[in-house]
Amino acid sequence: MASTPTSNRATQFAIWGAALIVLLAAVYAVRSLTRERVSVRAAQVSNQDLIKSSSTNGKVEPLDDYQAHAQVAGQVQQIYVDVGDKVKAGQLLLKMDDADALARLASANSALRAAELAASDIEHGGTQDERNTYAADESRAKLQRQQDATALAALEALQQKGAASPAEIDAARARVQLDDSTLHGIEQHSTERYGQADRARAQAQLADARAAVAAALRACASEDIHTPIAGTVYYLQVSQYDYVSLDDNNLVDVADLRHLRITAYFDEPEIGNLAAGQPVAITWEAKSGTIWHGHITQVPTSIITYGTRNVGECLIDVDDADGVLQPNANVTVKVTTAQHLHVLSVPREALHFEGTQPYVFRILHRKLVRTDVETGIINLTRVEITGGLAEGDTVALNAATNQDLSAGLEVTPVY
């Protein structure tokens, strides 16, 4: 049977359609095989030791410290030590000019003698001159009464003989009564001149005078300044012949530089990670490359304002103070707040969050697969992985371009 033109055209269309389908499939296959993949930085999940730490500034303070202050104003007469000298307990540090102290002691002793004399006078009813005057007045009053009493007796005898009038008797009796009154006044004045209030005031003045003498004696004794503790002279404010007043700060400081403490200031969000006993590394710019070690002895108990920061004061004892680290030095402290050894971890750049759920992008068959994970401690560079990944897994960190990572993205890992 001969073919018709219509059937020939149908056959041609079928052939061309099949060819087009084959061509499209070939193009798709080629594009799939040659598609450009996104380059991403990648890392493997591995076991490492992770340390979480917190750093801040602090100030060094001695635990055993003696600060010598001037007890009296005066001139520094002699200095027996220099900064850096090691001294024993009781050793003489410096001597002050004691002329002013001796003058004050003399004045205090004089005031004490005056107070003692005043108290004695009050106890005995007056001064010696006043008591002598009272005695003389009393003697004269007694003599006068005796004379007037004798005269009254004589007049009374004459009256019995009719030789004295009643008026003369009355006048003589009045003189005797006046003598009695005068004598009683003298006796009362000599024995009751001072009251209880006068005695209390005199005793208070006496106590003040004795206290002033004691203070002056201490001031004289303090002219020779000795250290009560053994240690190192780390601060010397004065020079020989300097004049110092009571308002001046400490003259010389001695401390045991083997026992130091640091007051450190941690920002408020970091306080919750601190605990007593945590290890501390201490550095001082003046001694670059040297590290001292210590531990927290007291965590912050309150929040204070320190400049523009809200901080808590933390006390740190230095465990290996060697005399090099100096009091009042400004140091940097680094506290190890957590330490997990040989744990799975990834670089911190690999971690992402959706809400509170952490996740990473694993690389499987050159594609990104979102994987939820569980985390432990997180420091500045790495994250502890406690669930969701296994050792040897590969995770994406970030793209070499500005492209965002997403699930299903085809990538080329770069290690």
Protein backbone atom coordinates (compact mmCIF):
# COMPACT_ATOMS: atom_id res chain seq x y z
CA MET A 1 0.00 0.00 0.00
CA ALA A 2 1.48 3.28 -1.06
CA SER A 3 2.09 5.98 1.54
CA THR A 4 0.12 9.11 1.36
CA PRO A 5 1.47 12.61 1.73
CA THR A 6 -0.41 13.02 4.96
CA SER A 7 1.19 9.96 6.58
CA ASN A 8 4.64 11.07 5.49
CA ARG A 9 4.22 14.42 7.14
CA ALA A 10 3.06 12.78 10.38
CA THR A 11 6.10 10.57 10.39
CA GLN A 12 8.37 13.53 9.88
CA PHE A 13 6.72 15.43 12.73
CA ALA A 14 7.18 12.45 15.06
CA ILE A 15 10.85 12.17 14.13
CA TRP A 16 11.43 15.88 14.67
CA GLY A 17 9.59 15.79 18.00
CA ALA A 18 11.64 12.89 19.24
CA ALA A 19 14.83 14.64 18.14
CA LEU A 20 13.78 17.80 20.02
CA ILE A 21 13.10 15.83 23.19
CA VAL A 22 16.47 14.15 22.94
CA LEU A 23 18.15 17.53 22.39
CA LEU A 24 16.43 19.11 25.38
CA ALA A 25 17.38 16.17 27.59
CA ALA A 26 20.97 16.45 26.42
CA VAL A 27 21.06 20.19 27.13
CA TYR A 28 19.59 19.63 30.64
CA ALA A 29 22.09 16.87 31.34
CA VAL A 30 25.00 19.01 30.20
CA ARG A 31 23.84 21.98 32.27
CA SER A 32 23.36 19.73 35.30
CA LEU A 33 26.86 18.39 34.94
CA THR A 34 28.45 21.76 34.30
CA ARG A 35 26.37 23.93 36.72
CA GLU A 36 28.59 26.31 38.78
CA ARG A 37 28.59 25.37 42.45
CA VAL A 38 29.01 27.90 45.35
CA SER A 39 32.37 27.73 47.07
CA VAL A 40 32.04 27.57 50.85
CA ARG A 41 34.57 27.41 53.63
CA ALA A 42 34.17 24.10 55.41
CA ALA A 43 35.46 22.35 58.51
CA GLN A 44 35.20 18.90 59.99
CA VAL A 45 33.66 18.11 63.35
CA SER A 46 36.54 17.13 65.63
CA ASN A 47 37.39 16.45 69.26
CA GLN A 48 39.17 19.31 71.01
CA ASP A 49 39.72 20.80 74.46
CA LEU A 50 37.38 23.78 74.92
CA ILE A 51 37.98 26.57 77.40
CA LYS A 52 35.55 29.39 78.09
CA SER A 53 37.06 32.47 79.69
CA SER A 54 36.25 36.04 80.67
CA SER A 55 38.75 38.91 80.73
CA THR A 56 38.69 42.29 82.47
CA ASN A 57 40.89 44.79 84.28
CA GLY A 58 41.85 44.88 87.94
CA LYS A 59 44.12 46.52 90.52
CA VAL A 60 46.73 44.80 92.68
CA GLU A 61 46.51 45.27 96.45
CA PRO A 62 48.69 43.83 99.23
CA LEU A 63 47.06 41.60 101.83
CA ASP A 64 49.61 42.53 104.54
CA ASP A 65 50.21 46.26 104.30
CA TYR A 66 51.55 49.00 106.58
CA GLN A 67 51.09 52.66 105.67
CA ALA A 68 52.98 55.12 107.87
CA HIS A 69 51.24 58.47 108.41
CA ALA A 70 52.50 61.58 110.17
CA GLN A 71 51.05 61.70 113.67
CA VAL A 72 52.17 65.32 114.05
CA ALA A 73 53.21 68.05 111.64
CA GLY A 74 56.95 68.51 111.32
CA GLN A 75 60.11 67.97 109.34
CA VAL A 76 61.48 64.62 108.18
CA GLN A 77 64.78 64.40 110.02
CA GLN A 78 66.16 61.10 108.69
CA ILE A 79 65.13 58.34 106.26
CA TYR A 80 66.64 54.88 106.78
CA VAL A 81 65.14 52.92 103.83
CA ASP A 82 64.61 53.18 100.10
CA VAL A 83 62.03 51.74 97.68
CA GLY A 84 62.69 48.05 97.13
CA ASP A 85 64.41 47.49 100.49
CA LYS A 86 63.35 44.42 102.43
CA VAL A 87 62.69 45.19 106.09
CA LYS A 88 62.05 43.21 109.25
CA ALA A 89 59.21 43.72 111.70
CA GLY A 90 60.11 46.53 114.10
CA GLN A 91 62.76 48.05 111.83
CA LEU A 92 63.14 51.86 111.90
CA LEU A 93 61.95 53.48 108.67
CA LEU A 94 62.27 57.21 109.30
CA LYS A 95 62.54 59.78 112.06
CA MET A 96 60.67 63.05 112.42
CA ASP A 97 61.95 66.22 114.11
CA ASP A 98 60.51 65.97 117.64
CA ALA A 99 60.80 69.63 118.71
CA ASP A 100 57.11 70.35 118.12
CA ALA A 101 56.08 67.11 119.78
CA LEU A 102 58.15 67.88 122.87
CA ALA A 103 56.65 71.38 123.05
CA ARG A 104 53.16 69.93 122.86
CA LEU A 105 54.02 67.42 125.57
CA ALA A 106 55.26 70.21 127.85
CA SER A 107 52.09 72.20 127.22
CA ALA A 108 49.93 69.13 127.92
CA ASN A 109 51.80 68.42 131.17
CA SER A 110 51.32 72.04 132.25
CA ALA A 111 47.61 71.84 131.54
CA LEU A 112 47.44 68.57 133.49
CA ARG A 113 49.10 70.12 136.54
CA ALA A 114 46.66 73.03 136.41
CA ALA A 115 43.69 70.64 136.17
CA GLU A 116 45.00 68.54 139.07
CA LEU A 117 45.46 71.66 141.21
CA ALA A 118 41.97 72.90 140.35
CA ALA A 119 40.44 69.53 141.27
CA SER A 120 42.39 69.49 144.53
CA ASP A 121 41.27 73.02 145.40
CA ILE A 122 37.65 72.06 144.83
CA GLU A 123 38.00 68.96 147.00
CA HIS A 124 39.51 71.03 149.83
CA GLY A 125 37.18 74.00 149.52
CA GLY A 126 39.52 76.44 147.77
CA THR A 127 43.16 77.38 147.21
CA GLN A 128 45.71 77.34 149.98
CA ASP A 129 45.52 81.14 150.27
CA GLU A 130 41.75 80.97 150.40
CA ARG A 131 41.90 78.27 153.08
CA ASN A 132 44.38 80.36 155.09
CA THR A 133 42.07 83.35 154.80
CA TYR A 134 39.10 81.25 155.91
CA ALA A 135 41.10 79.96 158.91
CA ALA A 136 42.11 83.49 159.94
CA ASP A 137 38.55 84.78 159.56
CA GLU A 138 37.26 81.83 161.57
CA SER A 139 39.82 82.43 164.33
CA ARG A 140 38.92 86.11 164.55
CA ALA A 141 35.20 85.27 164.58
CA LYS A 142 35.68 82.74 167.37
CA LEU A 143 37.74 85.23 169.41
CA GLN A 144 35.15 87.95 168.91
CA ARG A 145 32.36 85.57 169.99
CA GLN A 146 34.34 84.57 173.04
CA GLN A 147 34.81 88.23 173.99
CA ASP A 148 31.16 89.06 173.38
CA ALA A 149 30.01 85.96 175.33
CA THR A 150 32.24 87.02 178.30
CA ALA A 151 30.80 90.54 178.17
CA LEU A 152 27.24 89.12 178.11
CA ALA A 153 27.98 86.97 181.18
CA ALA A 154 29.40 89.98 183.03
CA LEU A 155 26.34 92.09 182.26
CA GLU A 156 24.03 89.29 183.36
CA ALA A 157 25.92 89.17 186.72
CA LEU A 158 25.60 92.95 187.11
CA GLN A 159 21.88 92.76 186.25
CA GLN A 160 21.36 90.48 189.27
CA LYS A 161 22.86 93.24 191.43
CA GLY A 162 20.78 95.87 189.66
CA ALA A 163 23.79 97.41 187.99
CA ALA A 164 22.90 96.61 184.31
CA SER A 165 19.76 97.45 182.38
CA PRO A 166 17.71 94.99 180.25
CA ALA A 167 18.63 97.02 177.16
CA GLU A 168 22.31 96.43 177.75
CA ILE A 169 21.65 92.70 178.18
CA ASP A 170 19.66 92.56 174.90
CA ALA A 171 22.40 94.39 173.02
CA ALA A 172 25.07 92.03 174.36
CA ARG A 173 22.97 88.98 173.37
CA ALA A 174 22.46 90.41 169.87
CA ARG A 175 26.22 90.75 169.46
CA VAL A 176 26.74 87.10 170.46
CA GLN A 177 24.04 85.96 168.01
CA LEU A 178 25.71 88.01 165.24
CA ASP A 179 29.02 86.39 166.12
CA ASP A 180 27.39 82.92 165.85
CA SER A 181 25.92 83.82 162.46
CA THR A 182 29.25 85.16 161.18
CA LEU A 183 31.09 82.08 162.40
CA HIS A 184 28.52 79.73 160.79
CA GLY A 185 28.81 81.62 157.49
CA ILE A 186 32.60 81.30 157.50
CA GLU A 187 32.45 77.57 158.27
CA GLN A 188 29.79 76.96 155.60
CA HIS A 189 31.68 78.95 152.98
CA SER A 190 34.87 77.02 153.63
CA THR A 191 33.25 73.58 153.48
CA GLU A 192 30.38 74.03 150.97
CA ARG A 193 31.79 76.57 148.52
CA TYR A 194 31.71 74.09 145.56
CA GLY A 195 28.76 71.94 144.55
CA GLN A 196 28.50 68.59 142.78
CA ALA A 197 28.41 70.25 139.36
CA ASP A 198 31.71 72.04 140.13
CA ARG A 199 33.33 68.75 141.13
CA ALA A 200 32.06 66.96 137.98
CA ARG A 201 33.38 69.74 135.77
CA ALA A 202 36.78 69.64 137.44
CA GLN A 203 36.99 65.85 137.03
CA ALA A 204 36.10 66.13 133.34
CA GLN A 205 38.79 68.75 132.80
CA LEU A 206 41.25 66.52 134.61
CA ALA A 207 40.36 63.55 132.39
CA ASP A 208 40.78 65.69 129.24
CA ALA A 209 44.17 66.90 130.43
CA ARG A 210 45.35 63.35 131.12
CA ALA A 211 44.17 62.25 127.64
CA ALA A 212 46.06 65.16 126.07
CA VAL A 213 49.25 64.10 127.85
CA ALA A 214 48.80 60.51 126.67
CA ALA A 215 48.30 61.71 123.08
CA ALA A 216 51.37 63.91 123.29
CA LEU A 217 53.40 60.97 124.59
CA ARG A 218 52.22 58.82 121.70
CA ALA A 219 53.11 61.59 119.29
CA CYS A 220 56.61 61.76 120.73
CA ALA A 221 56.93 57.98 120.44
CA SER A 222 55.68 58.10 116.85
CA GLU A 223 58.41 60.46 115.78
CA ASP A 224 60.46 57.30 115.24
CA ILE A 225 58.40 55.36 112.67
CA HIS A 226 58.92 51.58 112.77
CA THR A 227 57.23 48.97 110.61
CA PRO A 228 55.12 46.44 112.52
CA ILE A 229 55.38 43.91 109.68
CA ALA A 230 58.16 42.37 107.62
CA GLY A 231 58.07 43.03 103.90
CA THR A 232 59.29 45.27 101.10
CA VAL A 233 59.25 49.07 100.94
CA TYR A 234 57.19 49.74 97.80
CA TYR A 235 56.27 53.40 98.25
CA LEU A 236 58.22 56.34 99.68
CA GLN A 237 56.52 59.71 99.44
CA VAL A 238 58.99 62.01 101.24
CA SER A 239 62.63 63.07 101.21
CA GLN A 240 64.88 64.16 104.03
CA TYR A 241 64.05 67.62 105.45
CA ASP A 242 60.58 67.65 103.84
CA TYR A 243 57.91 69.28 105.97
CA VAL A 244 54.77 67.18 106.36
CA SER A 245 51.42 68.08 107.87
CA LEU A 246 48.67 66.00 109.35
CA ASP A 247 46.76 66.33 106.06
CA ASP A 248 49.53 64.62 104.09
CA ASN A 249 48.99 61.08 102.81
CA ASN A 250 51.04 58.12 103.95
CA LEU A 251 54.78 58.74 104.08
CA VAL A 252 56.07 55.23 103.44
CA ASP A 253 54.38 51.90 102.60
CA VAL A 254 55.58 48.41 103.45
CA ALA A 255 53.92 45.19 102.25
CA ASP A 256 54.57 41.48 101.96
CA LEU A 257 54.73 41.19 98.17
CA ARG A 258 54.31 37.43 98.38
CA HIS A 259 50.69 37.87 99.44
CA LEU A 260 48.75 39.95 96.92
CA ARG A 261 45.12 40.33 96.00
CA ILE A 262 43.46 41.78 92.92
CA THR A 263 40.17 43.65 92.85
CA ALA A 264 38.75 43.00 89.37
CA TYR A 265 35.69 44.54 87.75
CA PHE A 266 33.50 42.24 85.64
CA ASP A 267 30.67 43.53 83.49
CA GLU A 268 27.20 42.62 84.71
CA PRO A 269 26.38 39.93 82.07
CA GLU A 270 29.54 37.98 82.95
CA ILE A 271 29.00 37.85 86.71
CA GLY A 272 26.75 34.77 86.55
CA ASN A 273 29.62 32.69 85.12
CA LEU A 274 31.98 33.42 88.04
CA ALA A 275 32.52 31.06 90.98
CA ALA A 276 34.95 30.85 93.87
CA GLY A 277 38.01 28.78 93.09
CA GLN A 278 38.03 29.37 89.33
CA PRO A 279 41.60 29.69 87.95
CA VAL A 280 42.84 33.09 86.80
CA ALA A 281 45.71 34.16 84.52
CA ILE A 282 47.18 37.60 85.32
CA THR A 283 49.22 39.82 82.98
CA TRP A 284 50.84 43.23 83.51
CA GLU A 285 51.90 45.46 80.64
CA ALA A 286 55.00 46.55 82.54
CA LYS A 287 56.24 42.92 82.43
CA SER A 288 55.25 41.77 78.96
CA GLY A 289 55.35 38.01 78.50
CA THR A 290 55.06 37.23 82.23
CA ILE A 291 51.95 35.45 83.49
CA TRP A 292 50.97 35.08 87.12
CA HIS A 293 48.29 32.71 88.36
CA GLY A 294 45.54 33.04 90.92
CA HIS A 295 42.03 32.02 91.84
CA ILE A 296 38.75 33.73 92.69
CA THR A 297 38.19 34.03 96.43
CA GLN A 298 35.04 36.15 96.42
CA VAL A 299 32.48 36.61 93.66
CA PRO A 300 30.63 39.93 93.27
CA THR A 301 27.87 40.51 95.80
CA SER A 302 26.47 43.70 94.29
CA ILE A 303 26.49 45.81 91.14
CA ILE A 304 28.25 49.20 91.16
CA THR A 305 28.85 51.92 88.59
CA TYR A 306 32.48 52.01 87.45
CA GLY A 307 32.92 54.81 84.94
CA THR A 308 30.37 54.06 82.24
CA ARG A 309 30.09 50.36 83.16
CA ASN A 310 27.84 48.43 85.52
CA VAL A 311 30.23 45.98 87.15
CA GLY A 312 30.68 43.63 90.08
CA GLU A 313 33.82 43.63 92.23
CA CYS A 314 35.56 40.27 92.34
CA LEU A 315 38.46 39.40 94.67
CA ILE A 316 41.31 37.29 93.28
CA ASP A 317 44.26 35.94 95.29
CA VAL A 318 47.59 35.72 93.47
CA ASP A 319 49.01 32.20 93.95
CA ASP A 320 52.56 32.75 92.69
CA ALA A 321 53.37 36.36 93.68
CA ASP A 322 57.15 36.66 93.47
CA GLY A 323 57.87 40.26 94.44
CA VAL A 324 57.83 41.44 90.83
CA LEU A 325 54.12 42.19 90.61
CA GLN A 326 53.66 45.51 92.42
CA PRO A 327 50.84 46.91 94.58
CA ASN A 328 48.59 49.42 92.79
CA ALA A 329 49.53 47.93 89.37
CA ASN A 330 46.72 47.87 86.79
CA VAL A 331 46.54 44.34 85.41
CA THR A 332 44.46 42.20 83.07
CA VAL A 333 42.87 39.07 84.49
CA LYS A 334 41.52 36.14 82.47
CA VAL A 335 39.21 33.81 84.38
CA THR A 336 38.58 30.28 83.12
CA THR A 337 34.84 29.91 83.71
CA ALA A 338 34.43 26.49 82.01
CA GLN A 339 36.74 23.78 80.65
CA HIS A 340 35.66 20.63 78.77
CA LEU A 341 38.36 18.26 77.57
CA HIS A 342 38.23 16.18 74.35
CA VAL A 343 34.72 17.13 73.26
CA LEU A 344 33.15 17.39 69.78
CA SER A 345 33.26 20.94 68.49
CA VAL A 346 32.91 23.07 65.37
CA PRO A 347 34.08 26.60 64.56
CA ARG A 348 31.72 29.21 65.91
CA GLU A 349 31.04 30.53 62.38
CA ALA A 350 29.23 27.26 61.59
CA LEU A 351 26.53 27.85 64.21
CA HIS A 352 23.19 29.47 63.29
CA PHE A 353 20.01 30.07 65.24
CA GLU A 354 16.35 30.00 64.40
CA GLY A 355 14.76 31.45 67.47
CA THR A 356 16.50 29.56 70.25
CA GLN A 357 17.19 26.44 68.17
CA PRO A 358 20.84 26.13 67.09
CA TYR A 359 21.63 24.44 63.77
CA VAL A 360 24.43 23.95 61.25
CA PHE A 361 24.64 23.14 57.54
CA ARG A 362 26.20 19.76 56.94
CA ILE A 363 27.70 19.09 53.53
CA LEU A 364 26.34 15.84 52.08
CA HIS A 365 27.02 14.91 48.46
CA ARG A 366 28.01 18.52 47.79
CA LYS A 367 24.70 19.86 49.05
CA LEU A 368 23.85 21.73 52.25
CA VAL A 369 21.62 19.90 54.72
CA ARG A 370 20.25 21.84 57.68
CA THR A 371 20.93 19.88 60.87
CA ASP A 372 19.65 20.86 64.33
CA VAL A 373 22.28 20.44 67.04
CA GLU A 374 22.66 20.57 70.81
CA THR A 375 25.47 22.72 72.22
CA GLY A 376 27.58 22.93 75.35
CA ILE A 377 30.03 25.72 76.13
CA ILE A 378 30.64 28.40 73.52
CA ASN A 379 33.80 30.48 73.48
CA LEU A 380 35.04 33.10 71.04
CA THR A 381 36.19 30.59 68.40
CA ARG A 382 34.47 27.21 68.88
CA VAL A 383 31.21 25.59 69.96
CA GLU A 384 30.86 22.33 71.86
CA ILE A 385 28.47 19.92 70.11
CA THR A 386 26.62 17.56 72.46
CA GLY A 387 24.12 16.18 69.93
CA GLY A 388 23.23 16.17 66.24
CA LEU A 389 26.69 15.61 64.71
CA ALA A 390 29.37 12.96 64.72
CA GLU A 391 33.13 13.17 64.51
CA GLY A 392 34.23 13.56 60.90
CA ASP A 393 31.06 15.27 59.68
CA THR A 394 31.69 18.26 57.44
CA VAL A 395 29.96 21.57 58.12
CA ALA A 396 29.82 24.79 56.11
CA LEU A 397 31.13 27.99 57.67
CA ASN A 398 30.30 30.66 55.09
CA ALA A 399 30.28 31.27 51.35
CA ALA A 400 33.27 32.66 49.53
CA THR A 401 30.87 35.19 48.00
CA ASN A 402 28.14 37.18 49.68
CA GLN A 403 25.58 34.48 48.98
CA ASP A 404 23.56 33.27 51.96
CA LEU A 405 23.68 29.60 52.88
CA SER A 406 20.46 27.63 52.55
CA ALA A 407 19.33 24.04 52.62
CA GLY A 408 19.79 22.25 49.30
CA LEU A 409 22.39 24.67 47.96
CA GLU A 410 24.99 22.88 45.88
CA VAL A 411 28.46 23.79 47.09
CA THR A 412 32.13 23.15 46.62
CA PRO A 413 33.80 22.84 50.04
CA VAL A 414 37.08 24.69 50.59
CA TYR A 415 39.11 23.65 53.63
